[in-house]
N, C-alpha and C. Protein backbone atom coordinates (compact mmCIF):
# COMPACT_ATOMS: atom_id res chain seq x y z
N MET A 1 33.85 -3.41 194.89
CA MET A 1 33.90 -4.37 195.98
C MET A 1 35.33 -4.59 196.49
N ASN A 2 36.32 -3.99 195.84
CA ASN A 2 37.69 -4.14 196.31
C ASN A 2 37.92 -3.49 197.67
N ASN A 3 37.03 -2.58 198.07
CA ASN A 3 37.15 -1.93 199.36
C ASN A 3 36.40 -2.67 200.45
N PHE A 4 35.96 -3.89 200.18
CA PHE A 4 35.22 -4.66 201.17
C PHE A 4 36.09 -4.91 202.39
N ASP A 5 35.56 -4.66 203.58
CA ASP A 5 36.29 -4.88 204.83
C ASP A 5 35.86 -6.23 205.40
N TRP A 6 36.73 -7.22 205.26
CA TRP A 6 36.41 -8.59 205.71
C TRP A 6 36.30 -8.67 207.23
N HIS A 7 36.77 -7.65 207.94
CA HIS A 7 36.67 -7.64 209.39
C HIS A 7 35.31 -7.15 209.88
N SER A 8 34.69 -6.20 209.14
CA SER A 8 33.50 -5.58 209.70
C SER A 8 32.30 -5.47 208.77
N ASP A 9 32.49 -5.55 207.45
CA ASP A 9 31.33 -5.44 206.55
C ASP A 9 30.47 -6.69 206.65
N GLN A 10 29.18 -6.52 206.40
CA GLN A 10 28.26 -7.65 206.47
C GLN A 10 28.52 -8.61 205.31
N ILE A 11 28.70 -9.88 205.64
CA ILE A 11 28.92 -10.92 204.64
C ILE A 11 27.59 -11.64 204.40
N THR A 12 27.23 -11.79 203.12
CA THR A 12 26.02 -12.53 202.75
C THR A 12 26.42 -13.61 201.76
N ILE A 13 25.45 -14.43 201.37
CA ILE A 13 25.74 -15.48 200.39
C ILE A 13 26.12 -14.89 199.04
N LYS A 14 25.77 -13.63 198.80
CA LYS A 14 26.08 -12.98 197.52
C LYS A 14 27.40 -12.20 197.55
N THR A 15 28.06 -12.13 198.69
CA THR A 15 29.32 -11.40 198.80
C THR A 15 30.39 -12.09 197.95
N PRO A 16 30.97 -11.38 196.97
CA PRO A 16 32.02 -12.01 196.17
C PRO A 16 33.33 -12.13 196.95
N VAL A 17 34.04 -13.21 196.70
CA VAL A 17 35.37 -13.38 197.26
C VAL A 17 36.31 -12.55 196.39
N THR A 18 36.92 -11.55 197.00
CA THR A 18 37.78 -10.62 196.26
C THR A 18 39.25 -10.96 196.50
N ASN A 19 40.11 -10.25 195.80
CA ASN A 19 41.55 -10.46 196.00
C ASN A 19 42.01 -9.96 197.36
N THR A 20 41.15 -9.25 198.09
CA THR A 20 41.50 -8.78 199.44
C THR A 20 40.96 -9.71 200.52
N TYR A 21 40.41 -10.88 200.12
CA TYR A 21 39.82 -11.82 201.08
C TYR A 21 40.79 -12.15 202.20
N ARG A 22 40.27 -12.20 203.40
CA ARG A 22 41.04 -12.60 204.58
C ARG A 22 40.19 -13.52 205.45
N ASN A 23 40.84 -14.48 206.12
CA ASN A 23 40.15 -15.34 207.08
C ASN A 23 40.02 -14.56 208.38
N THR A 24 38.90 -13.90 208.55
CA THR A 24 38.68 -13.09 209.75
C THR A 24 37.63 -13.76 210.64
N GLN A 25 37.48 -13.23 211.83
CA GLN A 25 36.42 -13.72 212.72
C GLN A 25 35.06 -13.50 212.07
N ASN A 26 34.91 -12.42 211.32
CA ASN A 26 33.67 -12.13 210.62
C ASN A 26 33.37 -13.24 209.60
N VAL A 27 34.38 -13.65 208.85
CA VAL A 27 34.22 -14.75 207.88
C VAL A 27 33.88 -16.04 208.62
N ARG A 28 34.60 -16.31 209.70
CA ARG A 28 34.35 -17.53 210.49
C ARG A 28 32.91 -17.55 211.01
N ARG A 29 32.41 -16.42 211.51
CA ARG A 29 31.03 -16.36 212.00
C ARG A 29 30.04 -16.66 210.87
N PHE A 30 30.27 -16.06 209.70
CA PHE A 30 29.39 -16.31 208.56
C PHE A 30 29.38 -17.80 208.21
N LEU A 31 30.56 -18.41 208.14
CA LEU A 31 30.64 -19.81 207.73
C LEU A 31 30.09 -20.76 208.80
N ILE A 32 30.25 -20.44 210.06
CA ILE A 32 29.63 -21.24 211.12
C ILE A 32 28.12 -21.14 211.03
N ASP A 33 27.61 -19.93 210.80
CA ASP A 33 26.16 -19.76 210.63
C ASP A 33 25.65 -20.53 209.42
N SER A 34 26.42 -20.55 208.34
CA SER A 34 26.00 -21.18 207.09
C SER A 34 26.22 -22.69 207.07
N CYS A 35 27.29 -23.15 207.72
CA CYS A 35 27.69 -24.56 207.63
C CYS A 35 27.46 -25.35 208.90
N GLY A 36 27.24 -24.66 210.00
CA GLY A 36 27.04 -25.34 211.28
C GLY A 36 28.26 -25.21 212.18
N PRO A 37 28.10 -25.62 213.44
CA PRO A 37 29.17 -25.43 214.43
C PRO A 37 30.42 -26.27 214.17
N GLY A 38 30.35 -27.23 213.26
CA GLY A 38 31.51 -28.05 212.95
C GLY A 38 32.44 -27.42 211.93
N PHE A 39 32.11 -26.20 211.47
CA PHE A 39 32.96 -25.58 210.45
C PHE A 39 34.37 -25.35 210.99
N LYS A 40 35.36 -25.70 210.14
CA LYS A 40 36.77 -25.41 210.43
C LYS A 40 37.47 -25.13 209.12
N PHE A 41 38.43 -24.21 209.14
CA PHE A 41 39.28 -23.97 207.99
C PHE A 41 40.31 -25.10 207.90
N ASP A 42 40.65 -25.52 206.69
CA ASP A 42 41.80 -26.40 206.50
C ASP A 42 42.56 -25.92 205.26
N ARG A 43 43.79 -26.35 205.12
CA ARG A 43 44.66 -25.82 204.06
C ARG A 43 44.10 -26.07 202.66
N GLU A 44 43.61 -27.27 202.41
CA GLU A 44 43.09 -27.61 201.08
C GLU A 44 41.88 -26.74 200.73
N PHE A 45 41.00 -26.56 201.69
CA PHE A 45 39.82 -25.73 201.47
C PHE A 45 40.23 -24.27 201.24
N MET A 46 41.15 -23.77 202.03
CA MET A 46 41.58 -22.38 201.88
C MET A 46 42.27 -22.17 200.53
N ALA A 47 43.01 -23.15 200.05
CA ALA A 47 43.62 -23.03 198.72
C ALA A 47 42.53 -22.90 197.66
N TRP A 48 41.44 -23.64 197.82
CA TRP A 48 40.32 -23.55 196.89
C TRP A 48 39.68 -22.15 196.96
N VAL A 49 39.46 -21.64 198.17
CA VAL A 49 38.84 -20.33 198.33
C VAL A 49 39.68 -19.25 197.64
N LYS A 50 40.99 -19.34 197.79
CA LYS A 50 41.88 -18.29 197.28
C LYS A 50 42.47 -18.60 195.90
N ASN A 51 41.86 -19.51 195.13
CA ASN A 51 42.43 -19.92 193.85
C ASN A 51 42.26 -18.89 192.73
N GLY A 52 41.62 -17.77 193.01
CA GLY A 52 41.48 -16.71 192.02
C GLY A 52 40.28 -16.83 191.11
N LYS A 53 39.56 -17.95 191.17
CA LYS A 53 38.37 -18.11 190.35
C LYS A 53 37.21 -17.38 191.02
N PRO A 54 36.35 -16.73 190.21
CA PRO A 54 35.22 -15.99 190.80
C PRO A 54 34.29 -16.91 191.59
N LYS A 55 33.92 -16.46 192.77
CA LYS A 55 32.98 -17.21 193.60
C LYS A 55 32.38 -16.27 194.63
N THR A 56 31.26 -16.68 195.18
CA THR A 56 30.61 -15.92 196.25
C THR A 56 30.81 -16.66 197.56
N MET A 57 30.51 -15.97 198.64
CA MET A 57 30.60 -16.63 199.95
C MET A 57 29.56 -17.74 200.09
N GLY A 58 28.43 -17.62 199.39
CA GLY A 58 27.46 -18.71 199.37
C GLY A 58 28.05 -19.95 198.73
N GLU A 59 28.81 -19.76 197.65
CA GLU A 59 29.47 -20.90 197.00
C GLU A 59 30.57 -21.48 197.88
N VAL A 60 31.24 -20.63 198.64
CA VAL A 60 32.26 -21.10 199.58
C VAL A 60 31.61 -22.01 200.63
N ALA A 61 30.50 -21.57 201.20
CA ALA A 61 29.80 -22.39 202.20
C ALA A 61 29.32 -23.70 201.59
N ALA A 62 28.75 -23.64 200.39
CA ALA A 62 28.26 -24.85 199.73
C ALA A 62 29.39 -25.83 199.45
N GLU A 63 30.55 -25.31 199.06
CA GLU A 63 31.70 -26.19 198.79
C GLU A 63 32.18 -26.85 200.06
N TRP A 64 32.22 -26.12 201.17
CA TRP A 64 32.65 -26.73 202.43
C TRP A 64 31.69 -27.86 202.81
N LEU A 65 30.40 -27.60 202.69
CA LEU A 65 29.40 -28.63 203.01
C LEU A 65 29.55 -29.83 202.07
N ARG A 66 29.79 -29.59 200.80
CA ARG A 66 29.97 -30.69 199.83
C ARG A 66 31.18 -31.55 200.21
N ARG A 67 32.27 -30.91 200.59
CA ARG A 67 33.48 -31.65 200.96
C ARG A 67 33.27 -32.48 202.22
N LYS A 68 32.45 -32.01 203.13
CA LYS A 68 32.24 -32.74 204.38
C LYS A 68 31.26 -33.90 204.20
N GLN A 69 30.53 -33.94 203.10
CA GLN A 69 29.61 -35.04 202.84
C GLN A 69 30.29 -36.25 202.22
N LYS A 70 31.54 -36.09 201.81
CA LYS A 70 32.28 -37.20 201.17
C LYS A 70 32.47 -38.35 202.12
């Protein structure tokens, strides 16, 4: 999965966040589809995404939704 292309490969809820993760338009489209039109990146959230702990894109979407419910 290290060869995953964050610009063009299909992202699903099972896609692992790899060390090559990038905030691309493809990622933004996936997260808007998963979280709704109010999705936005912020520094604190991005630090969590890139913290090196194993996670999937489904978990990324769920975490964003959890943070917005506070």
